[in-house]
Amino acid sequence: MAKRKPAFVLGAILLSLSFVVSACGGTGNGNSPASPGASATASASPSQAAEETAIPSASAAAEGTRSYETDKGVVEIPAKPQRIVTDYYGGELLAVGANVIGVEPTAFDNPFLKDLLANTQDVGYPTNVEKVLELQPDLIVVMYDDSYEALSKIAPTVHIPYGTATNIYETVELFGDLVGAPDKAEAFIAEFEKRAAEGRERLKGVVDENATFGIYELTDKGELWTFGDNAGRGGQALYNALKLKMPEKNSNDNQTLQLSMELLPEYAADYMFLTVYDPEKKGEALENLQASAVWSNLDAVKNNHLFMNDFDTFYRYDPIAITEQIDLFVDMIVERTEANKK
């Protein structure tokens, strides 16, 4: 559920919503999956569903066009677009079976989308207009409108600003409608809900129903943030899908909040998930945090309920990432619980 502003800025500012549209989430986020294609089914994973590729064909032209209302005005788009270029909506489009032929470069770092983008071209950011022209899309979908005028001369271009949708349900519905695949949107949500229910069932008896779960991020500058249920870093999966409890202080409208070390104990949780934004891999900020008496005295640290989450995996907030994060959270909680019993 984005324009590569410093990655953390996306987390703290842009990710105040789960990715719309991650993502996406993302979500994301949250920032986000080419083998385009066929629909997800209730028994297939989102990744598998997206891999079932719909082959573009001349029959698409027979579907005709329809009017689609955007903040740029009404755009005449294909009723069933077959070749789509996008900037930051790769994951959202793949979730509903779209054929994504071009996407911005950071999508290829998304661990949930790498395999799905095997036949998709990098169109750069800002979007390389000449590259898009070469790909001959029949629809272009953008989060940012930097190149909107030039792109709209190539193919119908839909601008969907960041934050247009605020959760996985709105996101999948929006993109399912955009590409004329509401049935695939419904199938994806059915799979998401199935995975969520299975995850909740696996956690029964594993964690106390009153236990709290918190999401945190440390930056390379030593800034510490906490995240809500709709700001990426796995919030939609942890809180909305698995329905685990936030720390009481986090149960408000602050999707992202910067914490001082003095305030951290008030926002701490029984289970804490930490990502570290450290693009140069210096490690200094994390070392300083772990050496802090405040940190080492947190219950989650003392009880071995602290989880170090990979930034690139949990930063994502597109619908595919959100769904896959459900099992990641459940697996780590179950495995840690078993390990702590030994």
C-alpha atoms as a PDB file:
ATOM      1  CA  MET A   1       0.000   0.000   0.000  1.00  0.00           C
ATOM      2  CA  ALA A   2       5.007   4.190  -2.893  1.00  0.00           C
ATOM      3  CA  LYS A   3       7.229   6.810  -4.343  1.00  0.00           C
ATOM      4  CA  ARG A   4      10.478   5.862  -2.761  1.00  0.00           C
ATOM      5  CA  LYS A   5      10.699   8.499  -0.201  1.00  0.00           C
ATOM      6  CA  PRO A   6      13.049   7.259   2.484  1.00  0.00           C
ATOM      7  CA  ALA A   7      11.562   3.881   3.316  1.00  0.00           C
ATOM      8  CA  PHE A   8      10.949   4.754   6.902  1.00  0.00           C
ATOM      9  CA  VAL A   9       9.190   7.969   6.084  1.00  0.00           C
ATOM     10  CA  LEU A  10       6.728   5.814   4.232  1.00  0.00           C
ATOM     11  CA  GLY A  11       6.308   3.808   7.386  1.00  0.00           C
ATOM     12  CA  ALA A  12       5.767   6.700   9.697  1.00  0.00           C
ATOM     13  CA  ILE A  13       3.878   9.018   7.409  1.00  0.00           C
ATOM     14  CA  LEU A  14       2.522   7.342   4.324  1.00  0.00           C
ATOM     15  CA  LEU A  15       1.729   4.128   6.123  1.00  0.00           C
ATOM     16  CA  SER A  16      -0.810   5.742   8.331  1.00  0.00           C
ATOM     17  CA  LEU A  17      -3.170   3.710   6.275  1.00  0.00           C
ATOM     18  CA  SER A  18      -2.774   0.136   5.404  1.00  0.00           C
ATOM     19  CA  PHE A  19      -2.092  -0.080   1.993  1.00  0.00           C
ATOM     20  CA  VAL A  20      -4.751   0.417  -0.198  1.00  0.00           C
ATOM     21  CA  VAL A  21      -5.174  -0.463  -3.048  1.00  0.00           C
ATOM     22  CA  SER A  22      -0.438  -3.153  -0.424  1.00  0.00           C
ATOM     23  CA  ALA A  23      -0.520  -2.207   0.226  1.00  0.00           C
ATOM     24  CA  CYS A  24       0.018  -2.929   1.060  1.00  0.00           C
ATOM     25  CA  GLY A  25       0.388  -3.851   3.664  1.00  0.00           C
ATOM     26  CA  GLY A  26       0.614  -3.848   3.769  1.00  0.00           C
ATOM     27  CA  THR A  27      -0.640  -2.512   2.124  1.00  0.00           C
ATOM     28  CA  GLY A  28       0.879  -1.308   1.482  1.00  0.00           C
ATOM     29  CA  ASN A  29       1.874   0.364   2.542  1.00  0.00           C
ATOM     30  CA  GLY A  30       1.703  -0.938   1.577  1.00  0.00           C
ATOM     31  CA  ASN A  31       3.781  -0.175  -1.152  1.00  0.00           C
ATOM     32  CA  SER A  32       2.255  -3.849  -3.561  1.00  0.00           C
ATOM     33  CA  PRO A  33       2.643  -8.499  -6.898  1.00  0.00           C
ATOM     34  CA  ALA A  34       3.666 -10.675 -13.196  1.00  0.00           C
ATOM     35  CA  SER A  35       2.648 -13.637 -14.027  1.00  0.00           C
ATOM     36  CA  PRO A  36      -0.762 -12.159 -13.999  1.00  0.00           C
ATOM     37  CA  GLY A  37      -3.810 -13.878 -13.981  1.00  0.00           C
ATOM     38  CA  ALA A  38      -6.546 -15.988 -12.981  1.00  0.00           C
ATOM     39  CA  SER A  39      -8.562 -15.788  -9.860  1.00  0.00           C
ATOM     40  CA  ALA A  40      -7.763 -16.890  -6.398  1.00  0.00           C
ATOM     41  CA  THR A  41      -9.910 -19.655  -5.026  1.00  0.00           C
ATOM     42  CA  ALA A  42     -10.907 -20.489  -1.503  1.00  0.00           C
ATOM     43  CA  SER A  43      -8.402 -23.332  -1.464  1.00  0.00           C
ATOM     44  CA  ALA A  44      -5.495 -21.634  -3.250  1.00  0.00           C
ATOM     45  CA  SER A  45      -3.049 -19.261  -1.640  1.00  0.00           C
ATOM     46  CA  PRO A  46      -3.094 -15.643  -2.876  1.00  0.00           C
ATOM     47  CA  SER A  47       0.285 -16.202  -4.506  1.00  0.00           C
ATOM     48  CA  GLN A  48      -0.900 -19.318  -6.300  1.00  0.00           C
ATOM     49  CA  ALA A  49      -4.042 -17.541  -7.422  1.00  0.00           C
ATOM     50  CA  ALA A  50      -2.100 -14.659  -8.878  1.00  0.00           C
ATOM     51  CA  GLU A  51       0.134 -17.067 -10.793  1.00  0.00           C
ATOM     52  CA  GLU A  52      -2.794 -18.538 -12.701  1.00  0.00           C
ATOM     53  CA  THR A  53      -2.266 -16.305 -15.678  1.00  0.00           C
ATOM     54  CA  ALA A  54      -4.933 -14.955 -17.968  1.00  0.00           C
ATOM     55  CA  ILE A  55      -3.507 -14.864 -21.483  1.00  0.00           C
ATOM     56  CA  PRO A  56      -4.217 -11.579 -23.267  1.00  0.00           C
ATOM     57  CA  SER A  57      -6.182 -12.191 -26.434  1.00  0.00           C
ATOM     58  CA  ALA A  58      -8.072 -10.446 -29.162  1.00  0.00           C
ATOM     59  CA  SER A  59     -11.280 -11.363 -27.390  1.00  0.00           C
ATOM     60  CA  ALA A  60     -10.513  -8.616 -24.888  1.00  0.00           C
ATOM     61  CA  ALA A  61     -11.291  -6.017 -27.540  1.00  0.00           C
ATOM     62  CA  ALA A  62     -14.760  -7.453 -27.854  1.00  0.00           C
ATOM     63  CA  GLU A  63     -15.397  -6.569 -24.218  1.00  0.00           C
ATOM     64  CA  GLY A  64     -15.440  -2.901 -25.159  1.00  0.00           C
ATOM     65  CA  THR A  65     -14.817   0.010 -22.828  1.00  0.00           C
ATOM     66  CA  ARG A  66     -16.515   1.685 -19.907  1.00  0.00           C
ATOM     67  CA  SER A  67     -16.399   5.033 -18.173  1.00  0.00           C
ATOM     68  CA  TYR A  68     -14.390   5.097 -14.953  1.00  0.00           C
ATOM     69  CA  GLU A  69     -14.577   8.085 -12.624  1.00  0.00           C
ATOM     70  CA  THR A  70     -11.288   9.365 -11.189  1.00  0.00           C
ATOM     71  CA  ASP A  71      -9.988  12.496  -9.503  1.00  0.00           C
ATOM     72  CA  LYS A  72      -8.727  13.511 -12.941  1.00  0.00           C
ATOM     73  CA  GLY A  73     -12.184  13.189 -14.422  1.00  0.00           C
ATOM     74  CA  VAL A  74     -13.928  10.374 -16.257  1.00  0.00           C
ATOM     75  CA  VAL A  75     -11.562   8.036 -18.106  1.00  0.00           C
ATOM     76  CA  GLU A  76     -12.679   5.573 -20.765  1.00  0.00           C
ATOM     77  CA  ILE A  77     -10.974   2.299 -19.844  1.00  0.00           C
ATOM     78  CA  PRO A  78     -11.110  -1.253 -21.233  1.00  0.00           C
ATOM     79  CA  ALA A  79     -13.874  -3.292 -19.650  1.00  0.00           C
ATOM     80  CA  LYS A  80     -11.382  -6.167 -19.339  1.00  0.00           C
ATOM     81  CA  PRO A  81      -7.851  -4.716 -19.544  1.00  0.00           C
ATOM     82  CA  GLN A  82      -5.256  -7.242 -20.674  1.00  0.00           C
ATOM     83  CA  ARG A  83      -1.921  -5.394 -20.448  1.00  0.00           C
ATOM     84  CA  ILE A  84      -1.485  -3.176 -17.405  1.00  0.00           C
ATOM     85  CA  VAL A  85       1.416  -0.958 -16.392  1.00  0.00           C
ATOM     86  CA  THR A  86       1.502   0.500 -12.906  1.00  0.00           C
ATOM     87  CA  ASP A  87       3.835   2.251 -10.525  1.00  0.00           C
ATOM     88  CA  TYR A  88       3.074   1.112  -6.967  1.00  0.00           C
ATOM     89  CA  TYR A  89      -0.017  -1.047  -7.425  1.00  0.00           C
ATOM     90  CA  GLY A  90       1.556  -4.278  -8.634  1.00  0.00           C
ATOM     91  CA  GLY A  91       0.412  -6.353  -5.671  1.00  0.00           C
ATOM     92  CA  GLU A  92      -3.071  -4.920  -5.654  1.00  0.00           C
ATOM     93  CA  LEU A  93      -3.537  -5.723  -9.337  1.00  0.00           C
ATOM     94  CA  LEU A  94      -2.053  -9.206  -9.128  1.00  0.00           C
ATOM     95  CA  ALA A  95      -4.344 -10.001  -6.205  1.00  0.00           C
ATOM     96  CA  VAL A  96      -7.316  -9.761  -8.560  1.00  0.00           C
ATOM     97  CA  GLY A  97      -5.691 -11.654 -11.420  1.00  0.00           C
ATOM     98  CA  ALA A  98      -4.587  -8.724 -13.555  1.00  0.00           C
ATOM     99  CA  ASN A  99      -1.854  -9.077 -16.174  1.00  0.00           C
ATOM    100  CA  VAL A 100       0.816  -6.665 -14.920  1.00  0.00           C
ATOM    101  CA  ILE A 101       3.382  -6.147 -17.670  1.00  0.00           C
ATOM    102  CA  GLY A 102       5.245  -3.214 -16.093  1.00  0.00           C
ATOM    103  CA  VAL A 103       5.814  -2.019 -12.536  1.00  0.00           C
ATOM    104  CA  GLU A 104       8.144   0.252 -10.539  1.00  0.00           C
ATOM    105  CA  PRO A 105      11.519  -1.166  -9.398  1.00  0.00           C
ATOM    106  CA  THR A 106      10.957  -1.706  -5.661  1.00  0.00           C
ATOM    107  CA  ALA A 107       8.181  -4.207  -6.400  1.00  0.00           C
ATOM    108  CA  PHE A 108      10.880  -6.681  -7.398  1.00  0.00           C
ATOM    109  CA  ASP A 109      12.212  -6.574  -3.817  1.00  0.00           C
ATOM    110  CA  ASN A 110       8.855  -7.642  -2.441  1.00  0.00           C
ATOM    111  CA  PRO A 111       9.401 -11.243  -1.263  1.00  0.00           C
ATOM    112  CA  PHE A 112       5.754 -12.099  -1.842  1.00  0.00           C
ATOM    113  CA  LEU A 113       5.800 -10.921  -5.458  1.00  0.00           C
ATOM    114  CA  LYS A 114       9.198 -11.898  -6.826  1.00  0.00           C
ATOM    115  CA  ASP A 115       8.010 -15.092  -8.499  1.00  0.00           C
ATOM    116  CA  LEU A 116       4.874 -13.416  -9.807  1.00  0.00           C
ATOM    117  CA  LEU A 117       6.903 -10.698 -11.524  1.00  0.00           C
ATOM    118  CA  ALA A 118       9.153 -13.024 -13.523  1.00  0.00           C
ATOM    119  CA  ASN A 119       7.747 -11.775 -16.838  1.00  0.00           C
ATOM    120  CA  THR A 120       7.101  -8.189 -15.795  1.00  0.00           C
ATOM    121  CA  GLN A 121       9.266  -5.260 -16.882  1.00  0.00           C
ATOM    122  CA  ASP A 122      10.783  -2.611 -14.622  1.00  0.00           C
ATOM    123  CA  VAL A 123       9.396   0.740 -15.802  1.00  0.00           C
ATOM    124  CA  GLY A 124      11.443   2.789 -13.355  1.00  0.00           C
ATOM    125  CA  TYR A 125      10.507   5.572 -11.021  1.00  0.00           C
ATOM    126  CA  PRO A 126       9.719   8.203 -12.035  1.00  0.00           C
ATOM    127  CA  THR A 127       7.967   6.112 -14.631  1.00  0.00           C
ATOM    128  CA  ASN A 128       9.958   5.856 -17.867  1.00  0.00           C
ATOM    129  CA  VAL A 129       7.435   6.976 -20.457  1.00  0.00           C
ATOM    130  CA  GLU A 130       9.414   5.555 -23.387  1.00  0.00           C
ATOM    131  CA  LYS A 131       9.597   2.153 -21.713  1.00  0.00           C
ATOM    132  CA  VAL A 132       5.854   2.187 -21.117  1.00  0.00           C
ATOM    133  CA  LEU A 133       5.259   3.066 -24.762  1.00  0.00           C
ATOM    134  CA  GLU A 134       7.329   0.040 -25.797  1.00  0.00           C
ATOM    135  CA  LEU A 135       5.174  -2.251 -23.653  1.00  0.00           C
ATOM    136  CA  GLN A 136       1.951  -1.161 -25.391  1.00  0.00           C
ATOM    137  CA  PRO A 137      -0.350  -1.325 -22.357  1.00  0.00           C
ATOM    138  CA  ASP A 138      -4.088  -0.995 -22.687  1.00  0.00           C
ATOM    139  CA  LEU A 139      -4.366   0.447 -19.151  1.00  0.00           C
ATOM    140  CA  ILE A 140      -2.007   2.388 -16.878  1.00  0.00           C
ATOM    141  CA  VAL A 141      -2.659   2.721 -13.141  1.00  0.00           C
ATOM    142  CA  VAL A 142      -0.651   5.141 -11.033  1.00  0.00           C
ATOM    143  CA  MET A 143      -0.422   6.189  -7.401  1.00  0.00           C
ATOM    144  CA  TYR A 144       1.594   9.300  -8.240  1.00  0.00           C
ATOM    145  CA  ASP A 145       0.698  11.639 -11.050  1.00  0.00           C
ATOM    146  CA  ASP A 146       4.192  12.950 -11.898  1.00  0.00           C
ATOM    147  CA  SER A 147       3.975  11.611 -15.459  1.00  0.00           C
ATOM    148  CA  TYR A 148       0.201  11.442 -15.741  1.00  0.00           C
ATOM    149  CA  GLU A 149      -0.171  13.681 -18.797  1.00  0.00           C
ATOM    150  CA  ALA A 150       2.516  11.877 -20.804  1.00  0.00           C
ATOM    151  CA  LEU A 151       1.262   8.430 -19.783  1.00  0.00           C
ATOM    152  CA  SER A 152      -2.342   9.264 -20.601  1.00  0.00           C
ATOM    153  CA  LYS A 153      -1.284   9.849 -24.210  1.00  0.00           C
ATOM    154  CA  ILE A 154      -0.113   6.223 -24.395  1.00  0.00           C
ATOM    155  CA  ALA A 155      -3.142   4.458 -22.900  1.00  0.00           C
ATOM    156  CA  PRO A 156      -6.090   5.187 -20.599  1.00  0.00           C
ATOM    157  CA  THR A 157      -4.497   6.188 -17.301  1.00  0.00           C
ATOM    158  CA  VAL A 158      -6.191   5.947 -13.917  1.00  0.00           C
ATOM    159  CA  HIS A 159      -4.777   7.928 -11.003  1.00  0.00           C
ATOM    160  CA  ILE A 160      -5.570   6.335  -7.631  1.00  0.00           C
ATOM    161  CA  PRO A 161      -4.010   8.509  -4.910  1.00  0.00           C
ATOM    162  CA  TYR A 162      -2.360   6.850  -1.927  1.00  0.00           C
ATOM    163  CA  GLY A 163      -4.936   6.168   0.769  1.00  0.00           C
ATOM    164  CA  THR A 164      -7.927   5.867  -1.545  1.00  0.00           C
ATOM    165  CA  ALA A 165      -8.746   2.564   0.132  1.00  0.00           C
ATOM    166  CA  THR A 166      -7.831   1.943   3.761  1.00  0.00           C
ATOM    167  CA  ASN A 167      -7.958  -1.817   4.284  1.00  0.00           C
ATOM    168  CA  ILE A 168      -7.671  -5.080   2.421  1.00  0.00           C
ATOM    169  CA  TYR A 169     -11.421  -5.312   1.792  1.00  0.00           C
ATOM    170  CA  GLU A 170     -11.704  -1.874   0.202  1.00  0.00           C
ATOM    171  CA  THR A 171      -8.488  -2.388  -1.724  1.00  0.00           C
ATOM    172  CA  VAL A 172      -9.414  -5.712  -3.273  1.00  0.00           C
ATOM    173  CA  GLU A 173     -12.906  -4.499  -4.130  1.00  0.00           C
ATOM    174  CA  LEU A 174     -11.528  -1.350  -5.754  1.00  0.00           C
ATOM    175  CA  PHE A 175      -9.027  -3.175  -7.950  1.00  0.00           C
ATOM    176  CA  GLY A 176     -11.405  -5.990  -8.760  1.00  0.00           C
ATOM    177  CA  ASP A 177     -13.826  -3.411 -10.086  1.00  0.00           C
ATOM    178  CA  LEU A 178     -11.102  -1.522 -11.946  1.00  0.00           C
ATOM    179  CA  VAL A 179     -10.016  -4.560 -13.975  1.00  0.00           C
ATOM    180  CA  GLY A 180     -13.505  -5.970 -14.407  1.00  0.00           C
ATOM    181  CA  ALA A 181     -12.917  -8.946 -12.127  1.00  0.00           C
ATOM    182  CA  PRO A 182     -15.241  -8.662  -9.116  1.00  0.00           C
ATOM    183  CA  ASP A 183     -15.428 -12.459  -8.951  1.00  0.00           C
ATOM    184  CA  LYS A 184     -11.668 -12.681  -8.459  1.00  0.00           C
ATOM    185  CA  ALA A 185     -11.858 -10.007  -5.785  1.00  0.00           C
ATOM    186  CA  GLU A 186     -14.489 -12.034  -3.947  1.00  0.00           C
ATOM    187  CA  ALA A 187     -12.396 -15.194  -4.250  1.00  0.00           C
ATOM    188  CA  PHE A 188      -9.329 -13.424  -2.891  1.00  0.00           C
ATOM    189  CA  ILE A 189     -11.206 -12.095   0.134  1.00  0.00           C
ATOM    190  CA  ALA A 190     -12.663 -15.548   0.760  1.00  0.00           C
ATOM    191  CA  GLU A 191      -9.140 -16.967   0.847  1.00  0.00           C
ATOM    192  CA  PHE A 192      -7.967 -14.149   3.128  1.00  0.00           C
ATOM    193  CA  GLU A 193     -10.793 -14.812   5.570  1.00  0.00           C
ATOM    194  CA  LYS A 194     -10.126 -18.548   5.463  1.00  0.00           C
ATOM    195  CA  ARG A 195      -6.449 -18.038   6.257  1.00  0.00           C
ATOM    196  CA  ALA A 196      -7.339 -15.605   9.043  1.00  0.00           C
ATOM    197  CA  ALA A 197      -9.796 -18.053  10.625  1.00  0.00           C
ATOM    198  CA  GLU A 198      -7.244 -20.869  10.428  1.00  0.00           C
ATOM    199  CA  GLY A 199      -4.638 -18.642  12.045  1.00  0.00           C
ATOM    200  CA  ARG A 200      -6.922 -17.692  14.906  1.00  0.00           C
ATOM    201  CA  GLU A 201      -7.722 -21.356  15.480  1.00  0.00           C
ATOM    202  CA  ARG A 202      -4.026 -22.262  15.637  1.00  0.00           C
ATOM    203  CA  LEU A 203      -3.438 -19.635  18.320  1.00  0.00           C
ATOM    204  CA  LYS A 204      -6.195 -20.887  20.596  1.00  0.00           C
ATOM    205  CA  GLY A 205      -4.606 -22.121  23.795  1.00  0.00           C
ATOM    206  CA  VAL A 206      -1.208 -20.848  22.657  1.00  0.00           C
ATOM    207  CA  VAL A 207      -1.547 -17.259  23.833  1.00  0.00           C
ATOM    208  CA  ASP A 208      -3.642 -15.798  26.610  1.00  0.00           C
ATOM    209  CA  GLU A 209      -6.692 -14.026  25.201  1.00  0.00           C
ATOM    210  CA  ASN A 210      -5.773 -10.941  27.205  1.00  0.00           C
ATOM    211  CA  ALA A 211      -2.157 -10.830  26.013  1.00  0.00           C
ATOM    212  CA  THR A 212      -1.147  -7.726  24.090  1.00  0.00           C
ATOM    213  CA  PHE A 213       0.835  -7.557  20.851  1.00  0.00           C
ATOM    214  CA  GLY A 214       2.764  -4.533  19.671  1.00  0.00           C
ATOM    215  CA  ILE A 215       4.489  -3.544  16.434  1.00  0.00           C
ATOM    216  CA  TYR A 216       7.573  -1.335  16.620  1.00  0.00           C
ATOM    217  CA  GLU A 217      10.263  -0.015  14.337  1.00  0.00           C
ATOM    218  CA  LEU A 218      13.737   1.344  14.989  1.00  0.00           C
ATOM    219  CA  THR A 219      15.372   3.613  12.412  1.00  0.00           C
ATOM    220  CA  ASP A 220      19.050   3.936  11.627  1.00  0.00           C
ATOM    221  CA  LYS A 221      18.886   7.307  13.382  1.00  0.00           C
ATOM    222  CA  GLY A 222      17.780   5.692  16.614  1.00  0.00           C
ATOM    223  CA  GLU A 223      14.146   6.788  16.347  1.00  0.00           C
ATOM    224  CA  LEU A 224      11.636   4.345  17.764  1.00  0.00           C
ATOM    225  CA  TRP A 225       8.084   4.132  16.455  1.00  0.00           C
ATOM    226  CA  THR A 226       4.997   2.093  17.191  1.00  0.00           C
ATOM    227  CA  PHE A 227       2.376   1.141  14.603  1.00  0.00           C
ATOM    228  CA  GLY A 228      -1.370   0.535  14.650  1.00  0.00           C
ATOM    229  CA  ASP A 229      -3.658  -1.801  12.733  1.00  0.00           C
ATOM    230  CA  ASN A 230      -3.523   0.089   9.475  1.00  0.00           C
ATOM    231  CA  ALA A 231       0.015   1.371   9.013  1.00  0.00           C
ATOM    232  CA  GLY A 232       1.902  -1.500   7.448  1.00  0.00           C
ATOM    233  CA  ARG A 233       4.507  -3.624   9.276  1.00  0.00           C
ATOM    234  CA  GLY A 234       1.944  -6.440   9.518  1.00  0.00           C
ATOM    235  CA  GLY A 235      -0.739  -4.508  11.385  1.00  0.00           C
ATOM    236  CA  GLN A 236      -3.653  -5.705   9.271  1.00  0.00           C
ATOM    237  CA  ALA A 237      -2.591  -9.318   9.632  1.00  0.00           C
ATOM    238  CA  LEU A 238      -1.859  -9.140  13.360  1.00  0.00           C
ATOM    239  CA  TYR A 239      -4.808  -7.078  14.531  1.00  0.00           C
ATOM    240  CA  ASN A 240      -7.536  -7.310  11.903  1.00  0.00           C
ATOM    241  CA  ALA A 241      -7.058 -10.867  10.639  1.00  0.00           C
ATOM    242  CA  LEU A 242      -5.811 -12.576  13.801  1.00  0.00           C
ATOM    243  CA  LYS A 243      -7.712 -10.158  16.090  1.00  0.00           C
ATOM    244  CA  LEU A 244      -4.912  -9.954  18.636  1.00  0.00           C
ATOM    245  CA  LYS A 245      -4.990  -7.136  21.162  1.00  0.00           C
ATOM    246  CA  MET A 246      -2.998  -3.929  20.926  1.00  0.00           C
ATOM    247  CA  PRO A 247      -1.432  -2.431  24.025  1.00  0.00           C
ATOM    248  CA  GLU A 248      -4.028  -0.179  25.616  1.00  0.00           C
ATOM    249  CA  LYS A 249      -2.033   2.972  24.844  1.00  0.00           C
ATOM    250  CA  ASN A 250      -2.004   2.046  21.166  1.00  0.00           C
ATOM    251  CA  SER A 251      -5.741   1.495  20.967  1.00  0.00           C
ATOM    252  CA  ASN A 252      -6.470   4.890  19.483  1.00  0.00           C
ATOM    253  CA  ASP A 253      -6.318   6.722  16.193  1.00  0.00           C
ATOM    254  CA  ASN A 254      -2.528   7.067  16.171  1.00  0.00           C
ATOM    255  CA  GLN A 255      -1.486   4.716  13.408  1.00  0.00           C
ATOM    256  CA  THR A 256       2.133   5.750  13.852  1.00  0.00           C
ATOM    257  CA  LEU A 257       3.639   7.300  16.948  1.00  0.00           C
ATOM    258  CA  GLN A 258       7.238   8.131  17.767  1.00  0.00           C
ATOM    259  CA  LEU A 259       8.307   7.057  21.264  1.00  0.00           C
ATOM    260  CA  SER A 260      11.033   8.209  23.600  1.00  0.00           C
ATOM    261  CA  MET A 261      12.820   5.531  25.588  1.00  0.00           C
ATOM    262  CA  GLU A 262      11.196   6.922  28.702  1.00  0.00           C
ATOM    263  CA  LEU A 263       7.737   6.366  27.238  1.00  0.00           C
ATOM    264  CA  LEU A 264       8.464   2.963  25.747  1.00  0.00           C
ATOM    265  CA  PRO A 265       7.394   0.929  28.826  1.00  0.00           C
ATOM    266  CA  GLU A 266       3.953   2.553  28.640  1.00  0.00           C
ATOM    267  CA  TYR A 267       3.557   1.366  25.036  1.00  0.00           C
ATOM    268  CA  ALA A 268       5.222  -2.002  25.451  1.00  0.00           C
ATOM    269  CA  ALA A 269       3.291  -5.233  24.883  1.00  0.00           C
ATOM    270  CA  ASP A 270       3.413  -8.812  26.130  1.00  0.00           C
ATOM    271  CA  TYR A 271       4.581  -9.779  22.635  1.00  0.00           C
ATOM    272  CA  MET A 272       6.668  -7.256  20.690  1.00  0.00           C
ATOM    273  CA  PHE A 273       7.548  -7.357  16.982  1.00  0.00           C
ATOM    274  CA  LEU A 274      10.429  -5.124  15.918  1.00  0.00           C
ATOM    275  CA  THR A 275      11.581  -4.185  12.426  1.00  0.00           C
ATOM    276  CA  VAL A 276      14.751  -2.175  11.895  1.00  0.00           C
ATOM    277  CA  TYR A 277      15.120   0.326   9.079  1.00  0.00           C
ATOM    278  CA  ASP A 278      18.861   0.293   8.512  1.00  0.00           C
ATOM    279  CA  PRO A 279      19.526   0.446   4.757  1.00  0.00           C
ATOM    280  CA  GLU A 280      23.302   0.707   5.188  1.00  0.00           C
ATOM    281  CA  LYS A 281      23.362  -2.230   7.634  1.00  0.00           C
ATOM    282  CA  LYS A 282      25.304  -0.273  10.230  1.00  0.00           C
ATOM    283  CA  GLY A 283      23.688  -2.000  13.194  1.00  0.00           C
ATOM    284  CA  GLU A 284      24.598   0.802  15.574  1.00  0.00           C
ATOM    285  CA  ALA A 285      21.056   1.871  16.428  1.00  0.00           C
ATOM    286  CA  LEU A 286      20.012  -1.684  17.276  1.00  0.00           C
ATOM    287  CA  GLU A 287      23.099  -2.232  19.431  1.00  0.00           C
ATOM    288  CA  ASN A 288      22.328   0.930  21.375  1.00  0.00           C
ATOM    289  CA  LEU A 289      18.706  -0.099  21.854  1.00  0.00           C
ATOM    290  CA  GLN A 290      19.613  -3.566  23.086  1.00  0.00           C
ATOM    291  CA  ALA A 291      22.166  -2.119  25.500  1.00  0.00           C
ATOM    292  CA  SER A 292      19.536   0.120  27.070  1.00  0.00           C
ATOM    293  CA  ALA A 293      18.370  -0.776  30.582  1.00  0.00           C
ATOM    294  CA  VAL A 294      14.845   0.295  29.597  1.00  0.00           C
ATOM    295  CA  TRP A 295      14.814  -2.218  26.749  1.00  0.00           C
ATOM    296  CA  SER A 296      16.304  -5.118  28.678  1.00  0.00           C
ATOM    297  CA  ASN A 297      13.767  -4.639  31.479  1.00  0.00           C
ATOM    298  CA  LEU A 298      10.730  -4.964  29.238  1.00  0.00           C
ATOM    299  CA  ASP A 299       8.614  -8.042  30.012  1.00  0.00           C
ATOM    300  CA  ALA A 300       8.625  -9.100  26.356  1.00  0.00           C
ATOM    301  CA  VAL A 301      12.427  -9.124  26.345  1.00  0.00           C
ATOM    302  CA  LYS A 302      12.714 -10.957  29.668  1.00  0.00           C
ATOM    303  CA  ASN A 303      10.074 -13.529  28.650  1.00  0.00           C
ATOM    304  CA  ASN A 304      11.594 -14.155  25.208  1.00  0.00           C
ATOM    305  CA  HIS A 305       8.520 -12.688  23.523  1.00  0.00           C
ATOM    306  CA  LEU A 306      10.493 -10.244  21.410  1.00  0.00           C
ATOM    307  CA  PHE A 307      10.520 -11.002  17.665  1.00  0.00           C
ATOM    308  CA  MET A 308      12.936  -9.422  15.184  1.00  0.00           C
ATOM    309  CA  ASN A 309      11.006  -9.117  11.929  1.00  0.00           C
ATOM    310  CA  ASP A 310      12.631  -8.643   8.542  1.00  0.00           C
ATOM    311  CA  PHE A 311      11.964  -5.097   7.364  1.00  0.00           C
ATOM    312  CA  ASP A 312      11.333  -5.872   3.706  1.00  0.00           C
ATOM    313  CA  THR A 313       8.937  -8.708   4.532  1.00  0.00           C
ATOM    314  CA  PHE A 314       6.770  -6.854   7.016  1.00  0.00           C
ATOM    315  CA  TYR A 315       6.964  -3.396   5.475  1.00  0.00           C
ATOM    316  CA  ARG A 316       4.755  -4.649   2.629  1.00  0.00           C
ATOM    317  CA  TYR A 317       1.035  -4.012   2.804  1.00  0.00           C
ATOM    318  CA  ASP A 318      -0.482  -5.088  -0.504  1.00  0.00           C
ATOM    319  CA  PRO A 319      -3.274  -7.696  -0.255  1.00  0.00           C
ATOM    320  CA  ILE A 320      -1.001 -10.627  -1.104  1.00  0.00           C
ATOM    321  CA  ALA A 321       1.563  -9.570   1.505  1.00  0.00           C
ATOM    322  CA  ILE A 322      -1.089  -9.023   4.181  1.00  0.00           C
ATOM    323  CA  THR A 323      -2.513 -12.492   3.602  1.00  0.00           C
ATOM    324  CA  GLU A 324       0.865 -14.203   3.662  1.00  0.00           C
ATOM    325  CA  GLN A 325       1.874 -12.331   6.826  1.00  0.00           C
ATOM    326  CA  ILE A 326      -0.925 -14.079   8.720  1.00  0.00           C
ATOM    327  CA  ASP A 327       0.892 -17.417   8.662  1.00  0.00           C
ATOM    328  CA  LEU A 328       4.236 -15.759   9.354  1.00  0.00           C
ATOM    329  CA  PHE A 329       2.922 -14.274  12.587  1.00  0.00           C
ATOM    330  CA  VAL A 330       1.191 -17.477  13.647  1.00  0.00           C
ATOM    331  CA  ASP A 331       4.240 -19.622  12.919  1.00  0.00           C
ATOM    332  CA  MET A 332       6.610 -17.452  14.904  1.00  0.00           C
ATOM    333  CA  ILE A 333       4.271 -17.196  17.899  1.00  0.00           C
ATOM    334  CA  VAL A 334       3.616 -20.951  17.990  1.00  0.00           C
ATOM    335  CA  GLU A 335       7.273 -21.856  17.498  1.00  0.00           C
ATOM    336  CA  ARG A 336       8.463 -19.433  20.170  1.00  0.00           C
ATOM    337  CA  THR A 337       5.864 -20.704  22.620  1.00  0.00           C
ATOM    338  CA  GLU A 338       7.053 -24.265  22.087  1.00  0.00           C
ATOM    339  CA  ALA A 339      10.690 -23.213  22.430  1.00  0.00           C
ATOM    340  CA  ASN A 340       9.990 -21.367  25.678  1.00  0.00           C
ATOM    341  CA  LYS A 341       8.531 -24.523  27.202  1.00  0.00           C
ATOM    342  CA  LYS A 342      11.796 -26.408  26.806  1.00  0.00           C
END
